[in-house]
Amino acid sequence: MTRKLIAVLALVPCLALATIFSIGAGAVEIEPAQVISILRSLVGLEGFQDYSPQQAAVLEAIRLPRVLLGLLIGAGLSTAGAAMQGLYRNPLADPGLLGISSGASVLAAASIVLEIHWFGIYTLPIAAFCGSLLAMSVVYLLSQYQGRTQITTLLLAGIAISALCGAVTGFFTYFSNDDQLRSITFWQLGSLGGATWSALFSVAPFILLTVMGIPFFAKALNALLLGESNAKYLGIPVERVKVVLILLVALGVGAGVAVAGLIGFVGLVVPHLVRLSLGPDHRFLLPASALLGSLLLVLADLIARTIVSPLELPIGIVTASVGSPFFLFLLLRDRKMGGL
């Protein structure tokens, strides 16, 4: 237990260093000492390194909200992925199985093609969030039978709804013009380029609720690894746990997708990697997944905005490029060891 706790705590300084480095990297270079000095000045403390007004303005208005949003979304996707894998008792489960991401795509594409601007610049995030909740609600209702949530039906319903949402999104894409098609494509590939303080504050409560709420169910998720019947014998209210976990996953993933688009593999690879390193105990798995997910997404965003500077790659391309080969490696290794 001590080794696992040390491993989790070791991720904290790694994340702090990555955050400082990511905030400072870009067209306007800001040294780590200057980053810390500017951050100290923002909270009313005296800095210890000189910096220019331009550096302070870039950090406060552009870099800081973007990196903080990446931290939040990375933690939310990874925590949600770990919860889904525990709920399904399958290390290959993903938050997208509930149709959350595909549901967001439908209303996001609809708002772009139909040129809906009811809420100004917030129309797209609001539409995506509503699409996520709508798809999740449909999947959940379809999985209900005699007051019980059937996990197998939940999985199959999620796959079916995702396919249907993909078809509807394709319909809107087909009838879009060049500018609309570019917007839909860029949104589906994911990006933190639209990060603002307003966007950060609008989704932070939902994602924080997911990241901080799911660990309270660590004991229940550990019990569910033994099967639902055994979990009930241990006094776990299985149905209530399912409902609350599904809702928390939908809120966190839906909010993240709403402001950053579709970012794949984070919720799949990170919990799987942590499970291989620390084991299946969700008391350590959940916080470690949140920290590692934040670290991964911050570094992925750093690569996305610097590797082809002054252009910017969609962050989904980076996460998929790194995540898919690494995940294939894990699958092949597990197969050789008889794990799959």
Protein backbone atom coordinates (compact mmCIF):
# COMPACT_ATOMS: atom_id res chain seq x y z
CA MET A 1 0.00 0.00 0.00
CA THR A 2 2.89 2.36 0.81
CA ARG A 3 4.45 1.77 -2.59
CA LYS A 4 1.18 2.55 -4.35
CA LEU A 5 0.65 5.72 -2.34
CA ILE A 6 4.19 6.89 -3.11
CA ALA A 7 3.60 6.21 -6.82
CA VAL A 8 0.42 8.32 -6.76
CA LEU A 9 2.09 11.16 -4.87
CA ALA A 10 5.07 11.08 -7.25
CA LEU A 11 2.76 12.12 -10.07
CA VAL A 12 2.04 15.45 -8.33
CA PRO A 13 5.49 17.07 -8.82
CA CYS A 14 5.66 15.61 -12.35
CA LEU A 15 2.35 17.27 -13.14
CA ALA A 16 3.47 20.56 -11.57
CA LEU A 17 6.68 20.61 -13.65
CA ALA A 18 4.81 19.75 -16.85
CA THR A 19 2.27 22.50 -16.13
CA ILE A 20 4.94 25.17 -15.58
CA PHE A 21 6.85 24.09 -18.69
CA SER A 22 3.68 24.00 -20.82
CA ILE A 23 2.60 27.46 -19.66
CA GLY A 24 5.99 28.88 -20.63
CA ALA A 25 6.39 27.21 -24.03
CA GLY A 26 5.13 28.90 -27.20
CA ALA A 27 5.73 31.79 -29.56
CA VAL A 28 6.28 34.07 -26.55
CA GLU A 29 8.85 32.24 -24.44
CA ILE A 30 8.44 32.48 -20.67
CA GLU A 31 11.12 30.98 -18.44
CA PRO A 32 9.98 28.71 -15.58
CA ALA A 33 11.14 31.26 -13.00
CA GLN A 34 9.16 33.93 -14.81
CA VAL A 35 6.08 31.66 -14.92
CA ILE A 36 6.25 31.19 -11.16
CA SER A 37 6.80 34.92 -10.61
CA ILE A 38 3.79 35.85 -12.74
CA LEU A 39 1.63 33.27 -11.00
CA ARG A 40 2.72 34.65 -7.63
CA SER A 41 1.82 38.17 -8.73
CA LEU A 42 -1.65 36.99 -9.79
CA VAL A 43 -2.37 35.89 -6.22
CA GLY A 44 -0.90 39.03 -4.66
CA LEU A 45 2.57 37.73 -3.81
CA GLU A 46 5.87 39.30 -4.81
CA GLY A 47 7.72 37.72 -7.72
CA PHE A 48 11.44 36.97 -7.76
CA GLN A 49 12.14 37.20 -11.51
CA ASP A 50 11.64 40.10 -13.90
CA TYR A 51 9.19 39.65 -16.77
CA SER A 52 7.66 41.82 -19.47
CA PRO A 53 4.04 43.02 -19.58
CA GLN A 54 3.61 41.02 -22.80
CA GLN A 55 4.67 37.81 -21.08
CA ALA A 56 2.29 38.46 -18.21
CA ALA A 57 -0.60 39.21 -20.59
CA VAL A 58 0.01 36.07 -22.70
CA LEU A 59 0.24 33.87 -19.60
CA GLU A 60 -2.88 35.26 -17.94
CA ALA A 61 -5.17 35.54 -20.97
CA ILE A 62 -4.08 32.62 -23.16
CA ARG A 63 -1.73 30.06 -21.65
CA LEU A 64 -3.09 29.68 -18.11
CA PRO A 65 -6.77 29.04 -18.96
CA ARG A 66 -5.71 26.66 -21.73
CA VAL A 67 -3.42 24.59 -19.51
CA LEU A 68 -5.91 24.55 -16.64
CA LEU A 69 -8.63 23.39 -19.03
CA GLY A 70 -6.31 20.62 -20.23
CA LEU A 71 -5.67 19.58 -16.63
CA LEU A 72 -9.39 19.41 -15.91
CA ILE A 73 -10.39 17.55 -19.07
CA GLY A 74 -7.52 15.07 -18.78
CA ALA A 75 -8.48 14.29 -15.20
CA GLY A 76 -12.17 14.05 -16.08
CA LEU A 77 -11.72 11.71 -19.03
CA SER A 78 -9.29 9.43 -17.18
CA THR A 79 -11.39 9.23 -14.01
CA ALA A 80 -14.49 8.54 -16.08
CA GLY A 81 -12.63 5.85 -18.01
CA ALA A 82 -11.45 4.15 -14.82
CA ALA A 83 -15.02 4.20 -13.47
CA MET A 84 -16.43 2.73 -16.68
CA GLN A 85 -13.84 -0.03 -16.74
CA GLY A 86 -14.67 -0.89 -13.14
CA LEU A 87 -18.41 -0.76 -13.80
CA TYR A 88 -18.16 -2.99 -16.87
CA ARG A 89 -15.45 -5.11 -15.24
CA ASN A 90 -13.56 -4.78 -18.51
CA PRO A 91 -10.22 -2.94 -18.91
CA LEU A 92 -11.12 -2.14 -22.52
CA ALA A 93 -14.22 -0.11 -21.62
CA ASP A 94 -14.30 3.56 -22.57
CA PRO A 95 -16.53 6.54 -21.65
CA GLY A 96 -17.62 6.69 -25.27
CA LEU A 97 -19.51 3.41 -24.79
CA LEU A 98 -22.44 5.38 -23.35
CA GLY A 99 -22.83 7.35 -26.57
CA ILE A 100 -21.78 10.54 -24.79
CA SER A 101 -19.25 11.69 -27.39
CA SER A 102 -21.35 10.72 -30.40
CA GLY A 103 -24.41 12.43 -28.92
CA ALA A 104 -22.38 15.60 -28.49
CA SER A 105 -21.29 15.37 -32.13
CA VAL A 106 -24.87 15.35 -33.40
CA LEU A 107 -26.02 18.59 -31.79
CA ALA A 108 -22.64 20.24 -32.32
CA ALA A 109 -22.79 19.47 -36.05
CA ALA A 110 -26.44 20.56 -36.15
CA SER A 111 -25.65 23.91 -34.54
CA ILE A 112 -22.86 24.50 -37.07
CA VAL A 113 -24.74 23.47 -40.22
CA LEU A 114 -28.06 25.06 -39.26
CA GLU A 115 -26.18 28.20 -38.16
CA ILE A 116 -27.83 28.33 -34.74
CA HIS A 117 -26.47 31.18 -32.62
CA TRP A 118 -28.98 31.33 -29.78
CA PHE A 119 -26.32 31.62 -27.07
CA GLY A 120 -23.62 33.50 -28.98
CA ILE A 121 -20.14 32.00 -28.68
CA TYR A 122 -21.46 29.47 -26.16
CA THR A 123 -23.95 27.91 -28.60
CA LEU A 124 -21.62 25.09 -29.69
CA PRO A 125 -20.55 24.02 -26.17
CA ILE A 126 -24.14 24.16 -24.89
CA ALA A 127 -25.39 22.16 -27.88
CA ALA A 128 -22.66 19.53 -27.42
CA PHE A 129 -23.36 19.23 -23.70
CA CYS A 130 -27.10 18.82 -24.29
CA GLY A 131 -26.38 16.18 -26.94
CA SER A 132 -24.21 14.27 -24.49
CA LEU A 133 -26.86 14.25 -21.79
CA LEU A 134 -29.61 13.34 -24.26
CA ALA A 135 -27.70 10.38 -25.67
CA MET A 136 -26.76 9.18 -22.21
CA SER A 137 -30.38 9.44 -21.06
CA VAL A 138 -31.61 7.37 -24.01
CA VAL A 139 -28.97 4.70 -23.42
CA TYR A 140 -29.78 4.57 -19.73
CA LEU A 141 -33.54 4.26 -20.30
CA LEU A 142 -33.01 1.47 -22.82
CA SER A 143 -30.89 -0.44 -20.30
CA GLN A 144 -33.60 -0.40 -17.62
CA TYR A 145 -35.58 -3.58 -17.01
CA GLN A 146 -37.80 -4.11 -13.96
CA GLY A 147 -36.03 -1.34 -12.11
CA ARG A 148 -32.54 -2.73 -12.74
CA THR A 149 -29.75 -1.45 -14.94
CA GLN A 150 -28.46 -4.27 -17.12
CA ILE A 151 -24.79 -3.66 -17.91
CA THR A 152 -24.80 -5.80 -21.07
CA THR A 153 -27.85 -3.97 -22.43
CA LEU A 154 -26.23 -0.66 -21.46
CA LEU A 155 -23.18 -1.56 -23.54
CA LEU A 156 -25.18 -2.71 -26.57
CA ALA A 157 -27.52 0.28 -26.37
CA GLY A 158 -24.51 2.59 -26.20
CA ILE A 159 -23.02 1.01 -29.31
CA ALA A 160 -26.34 1.27 -31.18
CA ILE A 161 -26.94 4.90 -30.18
CA SER A 162 -23.35 5.78 -31.08
CA ALA A 163 -23.84 4.28 -34.54
CA LEU A 164 -27.12 6.15 -34.99
CA CYS A 165 -25.57 9.42 -33.84
CA GLY A 166 -22.67 8.82 -36.23
CA ALA A 167 -25.12 8.47 -39.10
CA VAL A 168 -26.95 11.68 -38.16
CA THR A 169 -23.64 13.53 -37.82
CA GLY A 170 -22.67 12.22 -41.24
CA PHE A 171 -25.96 13.56 -42.61
CA PHE A 172 -25.20 17.06 -41.35
CA THR A 173 -21.61 16.79 -42.58
CA TYR A 174 -22.79 15.82 -46.05
CA PHE A 175 -24.94 18.93 -46.38
CA SER A 176 -22.37 21.33 -44.90
CA ASN A 177 -20.43 23.88 -46.92
CA ASP A 178 -16.64 24.13 -46.91
CA ASP A 179 -16.39 26.41 -43.87
CA GLN A 180 -18.91 24.36 -41.90
CA LEU A 181 -17.17 21.13 -42.85
CA ARG A 182 -13.87 22.55 -41.62
CA SER A 183 -15.46 23.56 -38.31
CA ILE A 184 -17.08 20.14 -37.82
CA THR A 185 -13.88 18.30 -38.67
CA PHE A 186 -11.72 20.44 -36.39
CA TRP A 187 -14.19 20.05 -33.52
CA GLN A 188 -14.34 16.27 -33.94
CA LEU A 189 -10.54 16.08 -33.80
CA GLY A 190 -10.45 18.00 -30.51
CA SER A 191 -8.63 21.17 -29.51
CA LEU A 192 -7.97 23.34 -26.48
CA GLY A 193 -7.47 26.36 -28.73
CA GLY A 194 -10.79 27.90 -27.73
CA ALA A 195 -9.94 27.89 -24.02
CA THR A 196 -10.98 31.04 -22.17
CA TRP A 197 -11.60 31.83 -18.53
CA SER A 198 -15.35 31.82 -19.24
CA ALA A 199 -15.16 28.37 -20.84
CA LEU A 200 -13.02 27.10 -17.98
CA PHE A 201 -15.40 28.34 -15.29
CA SER A 202 -18.45 27.05 -17.15
CA VAL A 203 -17.28 23.42 -17.23
CA ALA A 204 -15.13 23.27 -14.10
CA PRO A 205 -18.03 22.47 -11.71
CA PHE A 206 -19.16 19.50 -13.82
CA ILE A 207 -15.69 18.03 -14.34
CA LEU A 208 -14.65 18.60 -10.72
CA LEU A 209 -17.85 16.87 -9.61
CA THR A 210 -16.79 13.85 -11.66
CA VAL A 211 -13.15 13.86 -10.55
CA MET A 212 -13.95 14.37 -6.86
CA GLY A 213 -17.21 12.40 -6.72
CA ILE A 214 -16.22 9.10 -8.34
CA PRO A 215 -13.45 8.29 -5.80
CA PHE A 216 -16.14 8.10 -3.11
CA PHE A 217 -17.29 4.94 -4.91
CA ALA A 218 -13.86 3.27 -4.85
CA LYS A 219 -15.02 0.69 -2.32
CA ALA A 220 -18.13 -0.07 -4.38
CA LEU A 221 -16.09 -0.44 -7.57
CA ASN A 222 -13.70 -2.81 -5.79
CA ALA A 223 -16.67 -4.89 -4.69
CA LEU A 224 -18.13 -4.91 -8.21
CA LEU A 225 -14.94 -6.55 -9.45
CA LEU A 226 -16.21 -9.65 -7.65
CA GLY A 227 -19.53 -9.52 -9.51
CA GLU A 228 -22.82 -7.81 -8.78
CA SER A 229 -24.17 -10.64 -6.62
CA ASN A 230 -21.13 -10.67 -4.38
CA ALA A 231 -21.17 -6.87 -4.19
CA LYS A 232 -24.76 -7.02 -2.92
CA TYR A 233 -23.77 -9.54 -0.27
CA LEU A 234 -21.11 -7.07 0.86
CA GLY A 235 -23.80 -4.45 1.40
CA ILE A 236 -23.18 -2.38 -1.73
CA PRO A 237 -26.35 -0.71 -3.16
CA VAL A 238 -25.46 -1.83 -6.69
CA GLU A 239 -28.30 -0.15 -8.60
CA ARG A 240 -27.78 3.19 -6.89
CA VAL A 241 -24.03 2.99 -7.53
CA LYS A 242 -24.62 2.29 -11.23
CA VAL A 243 -26.97 5.24 -11.63
CA VAL A 244 -24.73 7.72 -9.83
CA LEU A 245 -21.57 6.57 -11.62
CA ILE A 246 -23.20 6.75 -15.04
CA LEU A 247 -24.46 10.25 -14.27
CA LEU A 248 -21.05 11.42 -13.03
CA VAL A 249 -19.34 9.98 -16.10
CA ALA A 250 -21.85 11.68 -18.41
CA LEU A 251 -21.44 15.06 -16.69
CA GLY A 252 -17.65 15.02 -16.76
CA VAL A 253 -17.19 13.68 -20.28
CA GLY A 254 -20.05 15.74 -21.69
CA ALA A 255 -18.62 18.95 -20.25
CA GLY A 256 -15.15 18.16 -21.56
CA VAL A 257 -16.39 17.28 -25.03
CA ALA A 258 -18.50 20.43 -25.09
CA VAL A 259 -15.54 22.81 -24.86
CA ALA A 260 -12.70 20.78 -26.39
CA GLY A 261 -14.34 18.45 -28.91
CA LEU A 262 -13.64 14.74 -29.17
CA ILE A 263 -10.37 13.65 -27.55
CA GLY A 264 -9.82 9.94 -27.86
CA PHE A 265 -7.76 7.31 -26.04
CA VAL A 266 -7.19 9.31 -22.83
CA GLY A 267 -10.07 7.64 -21.00
CA LEU A 268 -9.04 4.23 -22.36
CA VAL A 269 -5.25 4.09 -22.17
CA VAL A 270 -4.57 5.98 -18.94
CA PRO A 271 -6.66 3.80 -16.55
CA HIS A 272 -5.38 0.68 -18.27
CA LEU A 273 -1.77 1.81 -17.81
CA VAL A 274 -2.34 2.70 -14.15
CA ARG A 275 -4.04 -0.64 -13.54
CA LEU A 276 -1.03 -2.48 -14.97
CA SER A 277 1.28 -0.46 -12.72
CA LEU A 278 -0.66 -0.21 -9.46
CA GLY A 279 -3.24 -2.98 -9.68
CA PRO A 280 -7.05 -2.83 -9.68
CA ASP A 281 -7.58 -1.19 -6.27
CA HIS A 282 -9.73 1.84 -7.11
CA ARG A 283 -8.57 3.70 -3.99
CA PHE A 284 -5.29 4.26 -5.83
CA LEU A 285 -6.43 3.68 -9.41
CA LEU A 286 -8.84 6.64 -9.52
CA PRO A 287 -6.56 9.41 -8.18
CA ALA A 288 -3.58 8.08 -10.13
CA SER A 289 -5.67 8.04 -13.32
CA ALA A 290 -6.78 11.63 -12.73
CA LEU A 291 -3.20 12.84 -12.24
CA LEU A 292 -1.74 10.84 -15.14
CA GLY A 293 -4.60 11.88 -17.42
CA SER A 294 -3.95 15.54 -16.64
CA LEU A 295 -0.24 15.06 -17.27
CA LEU A 296 -0.84 13.29 -20.58
CA LEU A 297 -3.27 15.87 -21.92
CA VAL A 298 -1.09 18.84 -20.92
CA LEU A 299 1.88 17.29 -22.71
CA ALA A 300 -0.28 16.36 -25.73
CA ASP A 301 -1.53 19.94 -25.97
CA LEU A 302 2.04 21.22 -25.71
CA ILE A 303 3.03 19.01 -28.65
CA ALA A 304 -0.09 20.01 -30.62
CA ARG A 305 0.64 23.74 -30.46
CA THR A 306 4.43 23.64 -30.88
CA ILE A 307 5.33 20.77 -33.22
CA VAL A 308 4.12 22.55 -36.39
CA SER A 309 4.28 26.12 -35.04
CA PRO A 310 2.87 28.63 -35.97
CA LEU A 311 0.10 26.21 -36.96
CA GLU A 312 -1.70 24.03 -34.42
CA LEU A 313 -2.51 20.35 -34.66
CA PRO A 314 -5.84 19.13 -33.26
CA ILE A 315 -5.04 17.51 -29.93
CA GLY A 316 -7.07 14.41 -30.85
CA ILE A 317 -4.48 13.61 -33.53
CA VAL A 318 -1.70 13.69 -30.95
CA THR A 319 -3.52 11.54 -28.38
CA ALA A 320 -4.53 9.01 -31.04
CA SER A 321 -1.02 8.91 -32.56
CA VAL A 322 0.55 8.22 -29.19
CA GLY A 323 -2.29 6.27 -27.59
CA SER A 324 -3.16 3.75 -30.27
CA PRO A 325 0.34 2.25 -30.82
CA PHE A 326 0.94 2.20 -27.07
CA PHE A 327 -2.40 0.50 -26.46
CA LEU A 328 -1.66 -2.08 -29.15
CA PHE A 329 1.63 -2.77 -27.38
CA LEU A 330 -0.24 -3.34 -24.11
CA LEU A 331 -2.72 -5.66 -25.81
CA LEU A 332 0.03 -7.74 -27.41
CA ARG A 333 1.94 -7.92 -24.14
CA ASP A 334 -1.17 -9.00 -22.24
CA ARG A 335 -1.93 -11.63 -24.87
CA LYS A 336 1.54 -13.14 -24.54
CA MET A 337 1.10 -13.22 -20.77
CA GLY A 338 -2.31 -14.84 -21.11
CA GLY A 339 -4.19 -11.78 -19.85
CA LEU A 340 -6.49 -11.49 -22.87
